[in-house]
Amino acid sequence: VDVIGMASVSVTTCVAGNYVQCFKCKYGMCWVCMGPHDHNMAGHKCKPYEDKTEDQESARASLEKYLHYYNRYTIHEQSKKLEEKLRQTARVRMDLLRKSGTVNVDFIETAVEQLFECRRTLKYTYVYAFYGEGQEKVLFEFLQNDLEHHTELLSGVLETELNKPRTEDGHVPVVDREQIVNLNRVAARMLKNLLDAVRDGLMEGASFTPKKPDAKPATAAAKSKPKTKTGASSVTTRSRAGKT
């Protein structure tokens, strides 16, 4: 990966989902925005798209905005596909833990399914953000970032804990139940906060359809026609729409 003028080097995604780290220099960065993040992964925030007011109507500005949101949509879709193997890995590890005497392992499956639900939601939040405007969009992207950050933390812990190798004597290592349960609970709360905000009307002002051109001025013939009552006209329009 060529990052900020650095030579192409290998990185690993085992730090936490889309949080990656250089094998050689241990430089940490976010695969989504290519920005740096500290090694404890606390408080990272992907840089949101900033409208360029001077070139807002230009084709280049429109393309840059589209690619910004499309790339993030695609990254979460790809992450979701790559994490599909976690389901199988989780089942295998749960069976091994049950055979070794650990009874309560359902929390692993719960956390994996929560991860997929967060990924699926995050993917579509970038469609909403693309069409959003003003302060509603700022609040939406704040909630989106909270969900995204804790989703990556949950992903990283699951990848690490479920892929622990056996001990030298062949025993299956115990997973960190407390950490997985806590991160799962926080990710679920971040997801609920975002969905509740949307259900309560956040982003209602987003326009998901292109703006229609201004209506043409009425012709002289149209002006001469007698006016009908608003109520009768609207009812007629609905009835005709139902017949077509």
C-alpha atoms as a PDB file:
ATOM      1  CA  VAL A   1       0.000   0.000   0.000  1.00  0.00           C
ATOM      2  CA  ASP A   2       1.377   3.415  -0.953  1.00  0.00           C
ATOM      3  CA  VAL A   3       0.455   5.868   1.816  1.00  0.00           C
ATOM      4  CA  ILE A   4       1.478   9.527   1.866  1.00  0.00           C
ATOM      5  CA  GLY A   5       4.629   9.080  -0.172  1.00  0.00           C
ATOM      6  CA  MET A   6       5.765   5.981   1.698  1.00  0.00           C
ATOM      7  CA  ALA A   7       7.160   3.021  -0.160  1.00  0.00           C
ATOM      8  CA  SER A   8       4.786   0.169  -0.843  1.00  0.00           C
ATOM      9  CA  VAL A   9       4.713  -2.036   2.238  1.00  0.00           C
ATOM     10  CA  SER A  10       2.564  -4.819   3.600  1.00  0.00           C
ATOM     11  CA  VAL A  11      -0.040  -4.052   6.246  1.00  0.00           C
ATOM     12  CA  THR A  12      -2.242  -6.246   8.371  1.00  0.00           C
ATOM     13  CA  THR A  13      -5.943  -5.798   9.097  1.00  0.00           C
ATOM     14  CA  CYS A  14      -5.801  -7.816  12.317  1.00  0.00           C
ATOM     15  CA  VAL A  15      -5.636  -4.670  14.483  1.00  0.00           C
ATOM     16  CA  ALA A  16      -9.375  -4.017  14.256  1.00  0.00           C
ATOM     17  CA  GLY A  17     -11.463  -4.413  11.113  1.00  0.00           C
ATOM     18  CA  ASN A  18     -10.582  -1.416   8.918  1.00  0.00           C
ATOM     19  CA  TYR A  19      -7.892  -0.218  11.331  1.00  0.00           C
ATOM     20  CA  VAL A  20      -4.571  -1.454   9.907  1.00  0.00           C
ATOM     21  CA  GLN A  21      -0.955  -1.315  10.950  1.00  0.00           C
ATOM     22  CA  CYS A  22       2.398  -1.445   9.154  1.00  0.00           C
ATOM     23  CA  PHE A  23       4.423  -4.583   9.900  1.00  0.00           C
ATOM     24  CA  LYS A  24       7.705  -2.655   9.926  1.00  0.00           C
ATOM     25  CA  CYS A  25       7.206   0.748  11.532  1.00  0.00           C
ATOM     26  CA  LYS A  26       3.928  -0.043  13.392  1.00  0.00           C
ATOM     27  CA  TYR A  27       2.303   3.055  11.876  1.00  0.00           C
ATOM     28  CA  GLY A  28      -1.451   2.799  12.421  1.00  0.00           C
ATOM     29  CA  MET A  29      -4.058   4.146  10.016  1.00  0.00           C
ATOM     30  CA  CYS A  30      -7.705   3.830   9.055  1.00  0.00           C
ATOM     31  CA  TRP A  31      -8.280   1.940   5.805  1.00  0.00           C
ATOM     32  CA  VAL A  32     -11.485   3.928   5.179  1.00  0.00           C
ATOM     33  CA  CYS A  33     -10.066   7.474   5.238  1.00  0.00           C
ATOM     34  CA  MET A  34      -6.305   6.677   5.251  1.00  0.00           C
ATOM     35  CA  GLY A  35      -5.955   8.916   8.306  1.00  0.00           C
ATOM     36  CA  PRO A  36      -3.688   8.026  11.258  1.00  0.00           C
ATOM     37  CA  HIS A  37      -5.006   6.483  14.455  1.00  0.00           C
ATOM     38  CA  ASP A  38      -3.307   5.756  17.749  1.00  0.00           C
ATOM     39  CA  HIS A  39      -2.529   2.226  18.792  1.00  0.00           C
ATOM     40  CA  ASN A  40      -5.296   2.044  21.387  1.00  0.00           C
ATOM     41  CA  MET A  41      -7.793   3.049  18.657  1.00  0.00           C
ATOM     42  CA  ALA A  42      -9.542   5.521  20.936  1.00  0.00           C
ATOM     43  CA  GLY A  43     -11.493   8.395  19.491  1.00  0.00           C
ATOM     44  CA  HIS A  44     -10.645   7.995  15.797  1.00  0.00           C
ATOM     45  CA  LYS A  45     -12.943   9.936  13.487  1.00  0.00           C
ATOM     46  CA  CYS A  46     -13.005   9.612   9.719  1.00  0.00           C
ATOM     47  CA  LYS A  47     -12.907  13.007   8.039  1.00  0.00           C
ATOM     48  CA  PRO A  48     -16.348  13.822   6.616  1.00  0.00           C
ATOM     49  CA  TYR A  49     -16.789  15.189   3.125  1.00  0.00           C
ATOM     50  CA  GLU A  50     -16.521  18.988   2.946  1.00  0.00           C
ATOM     51  CA  ASP A  51     -18.589  20.752   0.323  1.00  0.00           C
ATOM     52  CA  LYS A  52     -16.573  23.022  -1.942  1.00  0.00           C
ATOM     53  CA  THR A  53     -18.836  26.021  -2.253  1.00  0.00           C
ATOM     54  CA  GLU A  54     -16.862  27.674  -5.021  1.00  0.00           C
ATOM     55  CA  ASP A  55     -16.984  24.641  -7.296  1.00  0.00           C
ATOM     56  CA  GLN A  56     -20.193  23.108  -5.990  1.00  0.00           C
ATOM     57  CA  GLU A  57     -21.882  23.253  -9.390  1.00  0.00           C
ATOM     58  CA  SER A  58     -18.908  21.905 -11.308  1.00  0.00           C
ATOM     59  CA  ALA A  59     -18.793  18.338 -12.578  1.00  0.00           C
ATOM     60  CA  ARG A  60     -15.513  17.676 -10.785  1.00  0.00           C
ATOM     61  CA  ALA A  61     -16.885  18.690  -7.381  1.00  0.00           C
ATOM     62  CA  SER A  62     -19.950  16.500  -7.915  1.00  0.00           C
ATOM     63  CA  LEU A  63     -17.772  13.539  -8.890  1.00  0.00           C
ATOM     64  CA  GLU A  64     -15.488  13.983  -5.872  1.00  0.00           C
ATOM     65  CA  LYS A  65     -18.482  14.048  -3.542  1.00  0.00           C
ATOM     66  CA  TYR A  66     -19.982  10.946  -5.153  1.00  0.00           C
ATOM     67  CA  LEU A  67     -16.701   9.009  -4.959  1.00  0.00           C
ATOM     68  CA  HIS A  68     -16.202   9.981  -1.307  1.00  0.00           C
ATOM     69  CA  TYR A  69     -19.476   8.367  -0.244  1.00  0.00           C
ATOM     70  CA  TYR A  70     -19.397   5.546  -2.785  1.00  0.00           C
ATOM     71  CA  ASN A  71     -15.922   4.415  -1.645  1.00  0.00           C
ATOM     72  CA  ARG A  72     -17.050   4.220   1.968  1.00  0.00           C
ATOM     73  CA  TYR A  73     -20.207   2.354   0.970  1.00  0.00           C
ATOM     74  CA  THR A  74     -18.037  -0.127  -0.952  1.00  0.00           C
ATOM     75  CA  ILE A  75     -15.491  -0.534   1.862  1.00  0.00           C
ATOM     76  CA  HIS A  76     -18.165  -1.611   4.342  1.00  0.00           C
ATOM     77  CA  GLU A  77     -19.664  -3.965   1.766  1.00  0.00           C
ATOM     78  CA  GLN A  78     -16.235  -5.529   1.202  1.00  0.00           C
ATOM     79  CA  SER A  79     -15.580  -5.728   4.949  1.00  0.00           C
ATOM     80  CA  LYS A  80     -18.896  -7.502   5.409  1.00  0.00           C
ATOM     81  CA  LYS A  81     -17.957 -10.079   2.766  1.00  0.00           C
ATOM     82  CA  LEU A  82     -14.496 -10.615   4.243  1.00  0.00           C
ATOM     83  CA  GLU A  83     -16.015 -11.111   7.679  1.00  0.00           C
ATOM     84  CA  GLU A  84     -18.357 -13.836   6.419  1.00  0.00           C
ATOM     85  CA  LYS A  85     -15.748 -16.386   7.438  1.00  0.00           C
ATOM     86  CA  LEU A  86     -16.143 -15.177  11.033  1.00  0.00           C
ATOM     87  CA  ARG A  87     -19.477 -16.997  11.191  1.00  0.00           C
ATOM     88  CA  GLN A  88     -17.849 -20.320  10.384  1.00  0.00           C
ATOM     89  CA  THR A  89     -14.850 -19.568  12.594  1.00  0.00           C
ATOM     90  CA  ALA A  90     -17.209 -18.693  15.451  1.00  0.00           C
ATOM     91  CA  ARG A  91     -19.152 -21.956  15.088  1.00  0.00           C
ATOM     92  CA  VAL A  92     -15.966 -24.012  15.098  1.00  0.00           C
ATOM     93  CA  ARG A  93     -14.577 -22.197  18.135  1.00  0.00           C
ATOM     94  CA  MET A  94     -17.901 -22.500  20.008  1.00  0.00           C
ATOM     95  CA  ASP A  95     -17.967 -26.286  19.400  1.00  0.00           C
ATOM     96  CA  LEU A  96     -14.382 -26.631  20.609  1.00  0.00           C
ATOM     97  CA  LEU A  97     -15.072 -24.575  23.731  1.00  0.00           C
ATOM     98  CA  ARG A  98     -18.170 -26.651  24.545  1.00  0.00           C
ATOM     99  CA  LYS A  99     -16.152 -29.856  24.202  1.00  0.00           C
ATOM    100  CA  SER A 100     -13.498 -28.436  26.518  1.00  0.00           C
ATOM    101  CA  GLY A 101     -16.102 -27.769  29.209  1.00  0.00           C
ATOM    102  CA  THR A 102     -17.127 -24.145  28.573  1.00  0.00           C
ATOM    103  CA  VAL A 103     -20.933 -24.084  28.607  1.00  0.00           C
ATOM    104  CA  ASN A 104     -21.954 -20.454  28.002  1.00  0.00           C
ATOM    105  CA  VAL A 105     -20.532 -19.546  24.562  1.00  0.00           C
ATOM    106  CA  ASP A 106     -23.640 -18.114  22.889  1.00  0.00           C
ATOM    107  CA  PHE A 107     -22.280 -14.600  23.425  1.00  0.00           C
ATOM    108  CA  ILE A 108     -19.840 -15.261  20.563  1.00  0.00           C
ATOM    109  CA  GLU A 109     -22.597 -15.865  18.030  1.00  0.00           C
ATOM    110  CA  THR A 110     -24.537 -12.859  19.366  1.00  0.00           C
ATOM    111  CA  ALA A 111     -21.519 -10.588  18.870  1.00  0.00           C
ATOM    112  CA  VAL A 112     -20.839 -11.859  15.337  1.00  0.00           C
ATOM    113  CA  GLU A 113     -24.444 -11.255  14.278  1.00  0.00           C
ATOM    114  CA  GLN A 114     -24.334  -7.790  15.861  1.00  0.00           C
ATOM    115  CA  LEU A 115     -21.214  -7.042  13.820  1.00  0.00           C
ATOM    116  CA  PHE A 116     -23.008  -7.948  10.586  1.00  0.00           C
ATOM    117  CA  GLU A 117     -26.020  -5.829  11.503  1.00  0.00           C
ATOM    118  CA  CYS A 118     -23.757  -2.842  12.176  1.00  0.00           C
ATOM    119  CA  ARG A 119     -21.890  -3.342   8.894  1.00  0.00           C
ATOM    120  CA  ARG A 120     -25.122  -3.595   6.925  1.00  0.00           C
ATOM    121  CA  THR A 121     -26.467  -0.408   8.492  1.00  0.00           C
ATOM    122  CA  LEU A 122     -23.204   1.501   8.065  1.00  0.00           C
ATOM    123  CA  LYS A 123     -23.146   0.703   4.379  1.00  0.00           C
ATOM    124  CA  TYR A 124     -26.474   2.418   3.800  1.00  0.00           C
ATOM    125  CA  THR A 125     -25.756   5.365   6.099  1.00  0.00           C
ATOM    126  CA  TYR A 126     -23.465   6.712   3.390  1.00  0.00           C
ATOM    127  CA  VAL A 127     -26.403   6.870   1.003  1.00  0.00           C
ATOM    128  CA  TYR A 128     -28.263   9.016   3.537  1.00  0.00           C
ATOM    129  CA  ALA A 129     -25.197  11.177   4.183  1.00  0.00           C
ATOM    130  CA  PHE A 130     -24.699  11.781   0.443  1.00  0.00           C
ATOM    131  CA  TYR A 131     -28.130  13.410   0.171  1.00  0.00           C
ATOM    132  CA  GLY A 132     -28.095  15.129   3.565  1.00  0.00           C
ATOM    133  CA  GLU A 133     -27.623  18.841   4.147  1.00  0.00           C
ATOM    134  CA  GLY A 134     -27.062  21.328   6.961  1.00  0.00           C
ATOM    135  CA  GLN A 135     -27.018  20.677  10.693  1.00  0.00           C
ATOM    136  CA  GLU A 136     -29.055  17.480  10.361  1.00  0.00           C
ATOM    137  CA  LYS A 137     -26.229  15.995   8.314  1.00  0.00           C
ATOM    138  CA  VAL A 138     -23.639  17.081  10.909  1.00  0.00           C
ATOM    139  CA  LEU A 139     -25.550  15.300  13.685  1.00  0.00           C
ATOM    140  CA  PHE A 140     -26.157  12.261  11.476  1.00  0.00           C
ATOM    141  CA  GLU A 141     -22.448  11.926  10.660  1.00  0.00           C
ATOM    142  CA  PHE A 142     -21.596  12.275  14.371  1.00  0.00           C
ATOM    143  CA  LEU A 143     -23.825   9.282  15.181  1.00  0.00           C
ATOM    144  CA  GLN A 144     -22.520   7.471  12.107  1.00  0.00           C
ATOM    145  CA  ASN A 145     -18.924   7.925  13.252  1.00  0.00           C
ATOM    146  CA  ASP A 146     -19.710   6.583  16.737  1.00  0.00           C
ATOM    147  CA  LEU A 147     -21.233   3.461  15.212  1.00  0.00           C
ATOM    148  CA  GLU A 148     -18.393   3.048  12.740  1.00  0.00           C
ATOM    149  CA  HIS A 149     -15.681   3.343  15.376  1.00  0.00           C
ATOM    150  CA  HIS A 150     -17.217   0.788  17.749  1.00  0.00           C
ATOM    151  CA  THR A 151     -18.001  -1.565  14.868  1.00  0.00           C
ATOM    152  CA  GLU A 152     -14.305  -1.630  13.971  1.00  0.00           C
ATOM    153  CA  LEU A 153     -13.360  -2.289  17.596  1.00  0.00           C
ATOM    154  CA  LEU A 154     -15.826  -5.183  17.810  1.00  0.00           C
ATOM    155  CA  SER A 155     -14.551  -6.587  14.524  1.00  0.00           C
ATOM    156  CA  GLY A 156     -10.943  -6.439  15.677  1.00  0.00           C
ATOM    157  CA  VAL A 157     -11.614  -8.163  18.996  1.00  0.00           C
ATOM    158  CA  LEU A 158     -13.609 -10.953  17.347  1.00  0.00           C
ATOM    159  CA  GLU A 159     -10.899 -11.553  14.749  1.00  0.00           C
ATOM    160  CA  THR A 160      -8.237 -11.675  17.442  1.00  0.00           C
ATOM    161  CA  GLU A 161     -10.087 -13.788  19.987  1.00  0.00           C
ATOM    162  CA  LEU A 162     -11.601 -16.311  17.561  1.00  0.00           C
ATOM    163  CA  ASN A 163      -8.314 -16.939  15.766  1.00  0.00           C
ATOM    164  CA  LYS A 164      -6.154 -17.593  18.811  1.00  0.00           C
ATOM    165  CA  PRO A 165      -3.973 -20.664  18.187  1.00  0.00           C
ATOM    166  CA  ARG A 166      -4.072 -23.688  20.458  1.00  0.00           C
ATOM    167  CA  THR A 167      -1.690 -23.772  23.387  1.00  0.00           C
ATOM    168  CA  GLU A 168       1.464 -25.889  23.265  1.00  0.00           C
ATOM    169  CA  ASP A 169      -0.291 -28.699  25.122  1.00  0.00           C
ATOM    170  CA  GLY A 170      -3.160 -28.653  22.583  1.00  0.00           C
ATOM    171  CA  HIS A 171      -5.792 -26.906  24.697  1.00  0.00           C
ATOM    172  CA  VAL A 172      -8.274 -24.458  23.158  1.00  0.00           C
ATOM    173  CA  PRO A 173      -7.597 -20.954  24.522  1.00  0.00           C
ATOM    174  CA  VAL A 174     -10.447 -19.228  26.328  1.00  0.00           C
ATOM    175  CA  VAL A 175     -11.787 -16.115  24.614  1.00  0.00           C
ATOM    176  CA  ASP A 176     -12.108 -12.814  26.441  1.00  0.00           C
ATOM    177  CA  ARG A 177     -15.817 -12.998  27.213  1.00  0.00           C
ATOM    178  CA  GLU A 178     -15.984  -9.698  29.119  1.00  0.00           C
ATOM    179  CA  GLN A 179     -14.380  -7.682  26.340  1.00  0.00           C
ATOM    180  CA  ILE A 180     -16.548  -9.200  23.605  1.00  0.00           C
ATOM    181  CA  VAL A 181     -19.764  -8.726  25.590  1.00  0.00           C
ATOM    182  CA  ASN A 182     -18.908  -5.120  26.478  1.00  0.00           C
ATOM    183  CA  LEU A 183     -17.989  -4.124  22.921  1.00  0.00           C
ATOM    184  CA  ASN A 184     -21.072  -5.886  21.595  1.00  0.00           C
ATOM    185  CA  ARG A 185     -23.266  -3.964  24.042  1.00  0.00           C
ATOM    186  CA  VAL A 186     -21.707  -0.614  23.113  1.00  0.00           C
ATOM    187  CA  ALA A 187     -21.971  -1.279  19.361  1.00  0.00           C
ATOM    188  CA  ALA A 188     -25.632  -2.238  19.794  1.00  0.00           C
ATOM    189  CA  ARG A 189     -26.270   1.003  21.694  1.00  0.00           C
ATOM    190  CA  MET A 190     -24.549   3.100  18.987  1.00  0.00           C
ATOM    191  CA  LEU A 191     -26.661   1.371  16.348  1.00  0.00           C
ATOM    192  CA  LYS A 192     -29.853   2.022  18.326  1.00  0.00           C
ATOM    193  CA  ASN A 193     -28.948   5.697  18.783  1.00  0.00           C
ATOM    194  CA  LEU A 194     -28.529   6.162  15.049  1.00  0.00           C
ATOM    195  CA  LEU A 195     -31.685   4.275  14.053  1.00  0.00           C
ATOM    196  CA  ASP A 196     -33.783   6.011  16.736  1.00  0.00           C
ATOM    197  CA  ALA A 197     -32.611   9.410  15.517  1.00  0.00           C
ATOM    198  CA  VAL A 198     -33.618   8.582  11.946  1.00  0.00           C
ATOM    199  CA  ARG A 199     -37.006   7.241  13.090  1.00  0.00           C
ATOM    200  CA  ASP A 200     -37.552  10.448  15.075  1.00  0.00           C
ATOM    201  CA  GLY A 201     -37.123  12.553  11.941  1.00  0.00           C
ATOM    202  CA  LEU A 202     -33.390  13.113  11.556  1.00  0.00           C
ATOM    203  CA  MET A 203     -32.531  13.489   7.846  1.00  0.00           C
ATOM    204  CA  GLU A 204     -36.167  13.963   6.869  1.00  0.00           C
ATOM    205  CA  GLY A 205     -35.027  17.011   4.947  1.00  0.00           C
ATOM    206  CA  ALA A 206     -32.676  14.947   2.763  1.00  0.00           C
ATOM    207  CA  SER A 207     -33.689  15.023  -0.891  1.00  0.00           C
ATOM    208  CA  PHE A 208     -33.370  11.586  -2.477  1.00  0.00           C
ATOM    209  CA  THR A 209     -34.644  12.695  -5.890  1.00  0.00           C
ATOM    210  CA  PRO A 210     -33.204  15.175  -8.385  1.00  0.00           C
ATOM    211  CA  LYS A 211     -34.692  18.630  -8.295  1.00  0.00           C
ATOM    212  CA  LYS A 212     -37.334  19.136 -10.946  1.00  0.00           C
ATOM    213  CA  PRO A 213     -37.000  22.084 -13.333  1.00  0.00           C
ATOM    214  CA  ASP A 214     -39.212  25.076 -12.735  1.00  0.00           C
ATOM    215  CA  ALA A 215     -42.717  24.743 -14.179  1.00  0.00           C
ATOM    216  CA  LYS A 216     -43.313  26.417 -17.540  1.00  0.00           C
ATOM    217  CA  PRO A 217     -45.440  29.582 -17.521  1.00  0.00           C
ATOM    218  CA  ALA A 218     -49.098  28.958 -18.223  1.00  0.00           C
ATOM    219  CA  THR A 219     -50.277  29.547 -21.783  1.00  0.00           C
ATOM    220  CA  ALA A 220     -53.050  31.980 -22.671  1.00  0.00           C
ATOM    221  CA  ALA A 221     -55.441  29.079 -23.342  1.00  0.00           C
ATOM    222  CA  ALA A 222     -54.742  27.556 -19.959  1.00  0.00           C
ATOM    223  CA  LYS A 223     -55.280  30.888 -18.249  1.00  0.00           C
ATOM    224  CA  SER A 224     -58.687  31.272 -19.872  1.00  0.00           C
ATOM    225  CA  LYS A 225     -59.985  27.951 -18.495  1.00  0.00           C
ATOM    226  CA  PRO A 226     -62.323  28.216 -15.501  1.00  0.00           C
ATOM    227  CA  LYS A 227     -60.795  27.388 -12.148  1.00  0.00           C
ATOM    228  CA  THR A 228     -62.016  24.342 -10.216  1.00  0.00           C
ATOM    229  CA  LYS A 229     -62.178  23.942  -6.493  1.00  0.00           C
ATOM    230  CA  THR A 230     -59.007  22.625  -4.912  1.00  0.00           C
ATOM    231  CA  GLY A 231     -60.711  19.751  -3.121  1.00  0.00           C
ATOM    232  CA  ALA A 232     -62.538  18.478  -6.222  1.00  0.00           C
ATOM    233  CA  SER A 233     -59.393  18.773  -8.317  1.00  0.00           C
ATOM    234  CA  SER A 234     -57.283  16.766  -5.865  1.00  0.00           C
ATOM    235  CA  VAL A 235     -59.886  14.018  -5.559  1.00  0.00           C
ATOM    236  CA  THR A 236     -60.176  13.770  -9.353  1.00  0.00           C
ATOM    237  CA  THR A 237     -56.426  13.517  -9.647  1.00  0.00           C
ATOM    238  CA  ARG A 238     -56.268  10.692  -7.111  1.00  0.00           C
ATOM    239  CA  SER A 239     -59.089   8.767  -8.786  1.00  0.00           C
ATOM    240  CA  ARG A 240     -57.438   9.004 -12.171  1.00  0.00           C
ATOM    241  CA  ALA A 241     -54.138   7.886 -10.708  1.00  0.00           C
ATOM    242  CA  GLY A 242     -55.869   4.838  -9.239  1.00  0.00           C
ATOM    243  CA  LYS A 243     -57.319   3.843 -12.629  1.00  0.00           C
ATOM    244  CA  THR A 244     -54.006   4.016 -14.498  1.00  0.00           C
END
